Amino acid sequence: MHSNNHLPEPILWLQLIAVCMIAIGLYLIAMVISNRRFRKSWSIWKTLSFGIGVVFIFSAIIGPYAINAHSDFYAHMTNHLLLGMLAPILIAFASPVTLFLRVLNVKTARRVTEWMKSWPILLLTHPLVAALLSVGGLWILYTTSLYALMQQNVLLHMFVHVHVFIASYLFTISIISFDYLPHQWSFRFRSIVLLLALAAHGILSKYLYAHPPEGVSRIGAEKGSMLMYYGGDASEILLILIFCTQWYKSTKPRVSTSTHSFV
């Protein structure tokens, strides 16, 4: 069992709070500008989704669950569900990239979209690469000494959390297309990657049930892995439903085509 002596210092807590508040503030400002510029108002549901997603991130890195996660694998796995599964889906639905492209001037928006077509962005948003970063990263975290090390080092602890969220977000947007993405792979290919990723996640949860990570008791591993398995199922079902709905809608004939409203 790990001690809580390595919790983030107050200044780091304040910085994390500031990042969450700035993210929400920028989104709200962009929403106001967008509503003034376009006839069709920005969806209030997307705004709420972004806010709840940021709250989930905030809850995973600061607060009771974050404190208990250093000594309780169940609490740690709760953070994993918030940070690595629910928050990415909510923020993907909020379409932050599309919103900010809408409020930029045409010249700047085109520059940004051209930058997003660069090979590093295309590589990171490739479904297979994103899946390896997300699910593969979890296998490395829990089957090596990395999990124990992150409980002893604040910077490593924060780096792992940032990686979990960013990798999960990249995987989410590579599978479901709520936001602007310069290249979207076929539904058939994405469905294969999605099934493989979900299978790898499920196998990992079962593996942890029988093989606790370093420094985790067997009882703690059993409770945490069960939450990872069943809680992950709920998030995965939501992801599958969104994906299948988008696939179904894509098969319907379109009445007309239009370009993106932000260019």
Protein backbone atom coordinates (compact mmCIF):
# COMPACT_ATOMS: atom_id res chain seq x y z
CA MET A 1 0.00 0.00 0.00
CA HIS A 2 1.37 3.37 -0.99
CA SER A 3 1.58 6.40 1.21
CA ASN A 4 0.16 9.81 0.37
CA ASN A 5 3.46 11.59 0.90
CA HIS A 6 3.89 12.08 -2.81
CA LEU A 7 0.68 13.94 -3.51
CA PRO A 8 0.98 17.04 -5.69
CA GLU A 9 2.11 20.19 -3.92
CA PRO A 10 -0.44 23.02 -3.50
CA ILE A 11 1.08 25.01 -6.38
CA LEU A 12 0.51 22.06 -8.72
CA TRP A 13 -3.09 21.75 -7.50
CA LEU A 14 -3.64 25.41 -8.29
CA GLN A 15 -2.11 25.01 -11.74
CA LEU A 16 -4.37 22.07 -12.53
CA ILE A 17 -7.42 23.99 -11.35
CA ALA A 18 -6.36 26.94 -13.51
CA VAL A 19 -6.01 24.74 -16.61
CA CYS A 20 -9.51 23.30 -16.12
CA MET A 21 -11.03 26.74 -15.57
CA ILE A 22 -9.21 28.26 -18.57
CA ALA A 23 -10.40 25.41 -20.81
CA ILE A 24 -14.03 25.99 -19.82
CA GLY A 25 -13.62 29.77 -20.10
CA LEU A 26 -12.14 29.60 -23.61
CA TYR A 27 -14.89 27.25 -24.74
CA LEU A 28 -17.61 29.57 -23.41
CA ILE A 29 -16.00 32.62 -25.04
CA ALA A 30 -15.76 30.78 -28.36
CA MET A 31 -19.41 29.75 -28.03
CA VAL A 32 -20.51 33.36 -27.49
CA ILE A 33 -18.50 34.59 -30.49
CA SER A 34 -19.87 31.75 -32.63
CA ASN A 35 -23.46 32.56 -31.66
CA ARG A 36 -22.96 36.20 -32.63
CA ARG A 37 -21.36 35.31 -35.95
CA PHE A 38 -23.68 32.55 -37.16
CA ARG A 39 -27.45 32.31 -37.35
CA LYS A 40 -27.47 28.81 -35.95
CA SER A 41 -26.50 28.89 -32.27
CA TRP A 42 -23.86 26.50 -30.96
CA SER A 43 -25.46 23.46 -29.33
CA ILE A 44 -26.05 23.88 -25.60
CA TRP A 45 -25.70 20.09 -25.30
CA LYS A 46 -22.18 20.27 -26.68
CA THR A 47 -21.36 23.03 -24.22
CA LEU A 48 -22.71 21.00 -21.30
CA SER A 49 -20.85 17.95 -22.55
CA PHE A 50 -17.58 19.87 -22.59
CA GLY A 51 -18.16 21.20 -19.08
CA ILE A 52 -18.99 17.76 -17.66
CA GLY A 53 -15.98 16.26 -19.44
CA VAL A 54 -13.66 18.83 -17.87
CA VAL A 55 -15.25 18.19 -14.46
CA PHE A 56 -14.52 14.48 -14.90
CA ILE A 57 -10.90 15.29 -15.70
CA PHE A 58 -10.75 17.60 -12.70
CA SER A 59 -12.22 14.89 -10.44
CA ALA A 60 -9.68 12.34 -11.65
CA ILE A 61 -6.61 14.45 -10.87
CA ILE A 62 -7.74 16.53 -7.90
CA GLY A 63 -10.02 15.59 -5.03
CA PRO A 64 -10.95 12.52 -2.97
CA TYR A 65 -10.57 9.95 -5.73
CA ALA A 66 -7.20 11.37 -6.74
CA ILE A 67 -5.98 11.23 -3.13
CA ASN A 68 -7.26 7.70 -2.50
CA ALA A 69 -5.91 6.46 -5.83
CA HIS A 70 -2.40 6.45 -4.34
CA SER A 71 -3.35 3.70 -1.92
CA ASP A 72 -6.57 2.23 -3.32
CA PHE A 73 -6.54 0.47 -6.69
CA TYR A 74 -10.33 0.67 -6.89
CA ALA A 75 -10.16 4.47 -6.59
CA HIS A 76 -7.38 4.51 -9.17
CA MET A 77 -9.53 2.50 -11.57
CA THR A 78 -12.43 4.91 -10.99
CA ASN A 79 -10.10 7.68 -12.13
CA HIS A 80 -9.18 5.57 -15.14
CA LEU A 81 -12.84 5.34 -16.17
CA LEU A 82 -13.38 9.09 -15.70
CA LEU A 83 -10.16 10.22 -17.34
CA GLY A 84 -9.62 7.56 -19.98
CA MET A 85 -13.15 6.62 -21.07
CA LEU A 86 -15.97 9.00 -20.13
CA ALA A 87 -14.19 12.38 -20.42
CA PRO A 88 -12.81 11.69 -23.93
CA ILE A 89 -16.26 10.74 -25.24
CA LEU A 90 -17.88 13.83 -23.72
CA ILE A 91 -15.22 16.21 -25.00
CA ALA A 92 -15.23 14.58 -28.44
CA PHE A 93 -19.00 15.16 -28.59
CA ALA A 94 -18.41 18.82 -27.64
CA SER A 95 -16.46 19.31 -30.91
CA PRO A 96 -13.95 21.85 -29.52
CA VAL A 97 -11.84 21.96 -32.70
CA THR A 98 -14.85 22.75 -34.88
CA LEU A 99 -15.99 25.44 -32.45
CA PHE A 100 -12.65 27.22 -32.40
CA LEU A 101 -12.30 27.00 -36.17
CA ARG A 102 -15.68 28.74 -36.43
CA VAL A 103 -14.48 31.77 -34.46
CA LEU A 104 -11.17 32.18 -36.29
CA ASN A 105 -10.92 34.38 -39.35
CA VAL A 106 -10.93 32.55 -42.66
CA LYS A 107 -7.20 32.90 -43.29
CA THR A 108 -6.19 31.61 -39.86
CA ALA A 109 -8.76 28.79 -39.97
CA ARG A 110 -7.35 27.60 -43.27
CA ARG A 111 -3.83 27.65 -41.88
CA VAL A 112 -4.93 25.58 -38.91
CA THR A 113 -6.72 23.06 -41.11
CA GLU A 114 -3.62 22.78 -43.31
CA TRP A 115 -1.50 22.18 -40.20
CA MET A 116 -3.92 19.48 -39.12
CA LYS A 117 -3.21 17.71 -42.42
CA SER A 118 0.47 17.36 -41.52
CA TRP A 119 1.83 13.83 -41.14
CA PRO A 120 2.25 13.95 -37.31
CA ILE A 121 -1.45 14.78 -36.84
CA LEU A 122 -2.53 12.22 -39.43
CA LEU A 123 -0.35 9.61 -37.69
CA LEU A 124 -1.62 10.36 -34.18
CA THR A 125 -5.26 10.29 -35.33
CA HIS A 126 -4.86 7.05 -37.24
CA PRO A 127 -7.23 4.56 -35.50
CA LEU A 128 -4.60 1.84 -35.17
CA VAL A 129 -1.90 4.17 -33.83
CA ALA A 130 -4.34 5.82 -31.42
CA ALA A 131 -5.49 2.38 -30.20
CA LEU A 132 -1.89 1.32 -29.56
CA LEU A 133 -1.19 4.54 -27.64
CA SER A 134 -4.36 4.16 -25.58
CA VAL A 135 -4.83 0.45 -24.84
CA GLY A 136 -1.17 -0.43 -25.39
CA GLY A 137 -0.21 2.26 -22.89
CA LEU A 138 -2.48 0.65 -20.29
CA TRP A 139 -0.82 -2.73 -20.80
CA ILE A 140 2.58 -1.13 -20.22
CA LEU A 141 1.31 0.75 -17.17
CA TYR A 142 -0.19 -2.24 -15.37
CA THR A 143 2.10 -5.10 -16.43
CA THR A 144 5.40 -3.37 -15.65
CA SER A 145 6.79 -1.51 -12.64
CA LEU A 146 5.50 1.78 -14.08
CA TYR A 147 2.36 1.71 -11.92
CA ALA A 148 4.41 1.45 -8.72
CA LEU A 149 6.86 4.12 -9.89
CA MET A 150 4.12 6.62 -10.70
CA GLN A 151 2.87 6.44 -7.11
CA GLN A 152 6.29 7.59 -5.92
CA ASN A 153 6.92 10.44 -8.35
CA VAL A 154 4.58 13.40 -8.80
CA LEU A 155 5.78 14.35 -12.29
CA LEU A 156 5.57 10.77 -13.55
CA HIS A 157 2.13 10.46 -11.96
CA MET A 158 0.90 13.54 -13.81
CA PHE A 159 2.56 12.48 -17.07
CA VAL A 160 0.72 9.14 -16.97
CA HIS A 161 -2.60 10.91 -16.35
CA VAL A 162 -2.01 13.32 -19.23
CA HIS A 163 -1.03 10.44 -21.51
CA VAL A 164 -4.11 8.41 -20.56
CA PHE A 165 -6.46 11.27 -21.41
CA ILE A 166 -4.76 12.44 -24.61
CA ALA A 167 -4.31 8.90 -25.97
CA SER A 168 -7.93 8.03 -25.15
CA TYR A 169 -9.17 11.26 -26.71
CA LEU A 170 -7.19 10.61 -29.91
CA PHE A 171 -8.61 7.09 -30.07
CA THR A 172 -12.14 8.38 -29.52
CA ILE A 173 -12.01 11.02 -32.26
CA SER A 174 -10.39 8.53 -34.63
CA ILE A 175 -13.40 6.22 -34.20
CA ILE A 176 -16.38 8.57 -33.84
CA SER A 177 -16.59 11.69 -36.03
CA PHE A 178 -18.20 14.49 -34.03
CA ASP A 179 -15.33 16.93 -34.53
CA TYR A 180 -13.36 18.15 -37.52
CA LEU A 181 -10.72 15.66 -38.64
CA PRO A 182 -8.75 16.10 -41.89
CA HIS A 183 -8.98 12.41 -42.73
CA GLN A 184 -11.56 9.85 -41.62
CA TRP A 185 -10.95 6.18 -42.25
CA SER A 186 -13.71 3.88 -43.51
CA PHE A 187 -16.32 2.62 -41.06
CA ARG A 188 -15.32 -0.96 -41.82
CA PHE A 189 -11.69 -0.35 -40.89
CA ARG A 190 -12.61 1.64 -37.79
CA SER A 191 -15.00 -1.11 -36.66
CA ILE A 192 -12.18 -3.68 -36.83
CA VAL A 193 -9.83 -1.46 -34.82
CA LEU A 194 -12.58 -0.70 -32.30
CA LEU A 195 -13.34 -4.39 -31.72
CA LEU A 196 -9.64 -5.22 -31.32
CA ALA A 197 -9.14 -2.35 -28.86
CA LEU A 198 -12.18 -3.33 -26.78
CA ALA A 199 -11.01 -6.94 -26.73
CA ALA A 200 -7.51 -5.91 -25.57
CA HIS A 201 -9.04 -3.75 -22.84
CA GLY A 202 -11.26 -6.59 -21.64
CA ILE A 203 -8.38 -9.08 -21.65
CA LEU A 204 -6.25 -6.67 -19.62
CA SER A 205 -8.95 -6.31 -16.96
CA LYS A 206 -9.16 -10.12 -16.65
CA TYR A 207 -5.36 -10.37 -16.53
CA LEU A 208 -5.19 -7.87 -13.67
CA TYR A 209 -7.75 -9.91 -11.73
CA ALA A 210 -5.30 -12.81 -11.62
CA HIS A 211 -2.04 -10.84 -11.75
CA PRO A 212 -2.14 -7.71 -9.54
CA PRO A 213 0.15 -4.82 -10.51
CA GLU A 214 3.25 -4.31 -8.43
CA GLY A 215 2.33 -2.94 -4.98
CA VAL A 216 -1.38 -3.83 -5.26
CA SER A 217 -3.00 -6.43 -3.00
CA ARG A 218 -4.92 -9.31 -4.53
CA ILE A 219 -8.21 -8.09 -3.06
CA GLY A 220 -7.57 -4.58 -4.34
CA ALA A 221 -6.68 -5.92 -7.79
CA GLU A 222 -9.83 -8.02 -7.94
CA LYS A 223 -12.09 -5.10 -7.03
CA GLY A 224 -10.29 -2.70 -9.35
CA SER A 225 -10.19 -5.09 -12.31
CA MET A 226 -13.91 -5.83 -11.93
CA LEU A 227 -14.65 -2.11 -12.05
CA MET A 228 -12.39 -1.81 -15.09
CA TYR A 229 -14.24 -4.67 -16.79
CA TYR A 230 -17.87 -3.79 -16.01
CA GLY A 231 -17.43 -0.02 -15.90
CA GLY A 232 -15.49 -0.23 -19.14
CA ASP A 233 -18.35 -2.21 -20.68
CA ALA A 234 -20.76 0.66 -20.00
CA SER A 235 -18.47 3.22 -21.66
CA GLU A 236 -17.71 0.87 -24.53
CA ILE A 237 -21.42 0.25 -25.16
CA LEU A 238 -21.92 4.02 -25.41
CA LEU A 239 -19.01 4.28 -27.86
CA ILE A 240 -20.37 1.39 -29.94
CA LEU A 241 -23.87 2.90 -30.05
CA ILE A 242 -22.51 6.25 -31.25
CA PHE A 243 -20.31 4.56 -33.84
CA CYS A 244 -23.11 2.34 -35.18
CA THR A 245 -25.51 5.30 -35.33
CA GLN A 246 -23.02 7.30 -37.37
CA TRP A 247 -22.38 4.34 -39.65
CA TYR A 248 -26.12 3.88 -40.19
CA LYS A 249 -26.63 7.57 -40.95
CA SER A 250 -23.75 7.52 -43.44
CA THR A 251 -25.59 4.94 -45.53
CA LYS A 252 -28.57 7.25 -46.03
CA PRO A 253 -28.59 9.28 -49.27
CA ARG A 254 -27.73 12.93 -48.70
CA VAL A 255 -30.06 15.62 -49.97
CA SER A 256 -27.30 18.10 -50.57
CA THR A 257 -23.65 18.60 -49.77
CA SER A 258 -22.09 21.58 -48.11
CA THR A 259 -18.69 22.73 -47.02
CA HIS A 260 -17.66 23.30 -43.42
CA SER A 261 -19.17 26.47 -42.00
CA PHE A 262 -15.92 27.68 -40.48
CA VAL A 263 -14.11 28.26 -43.81
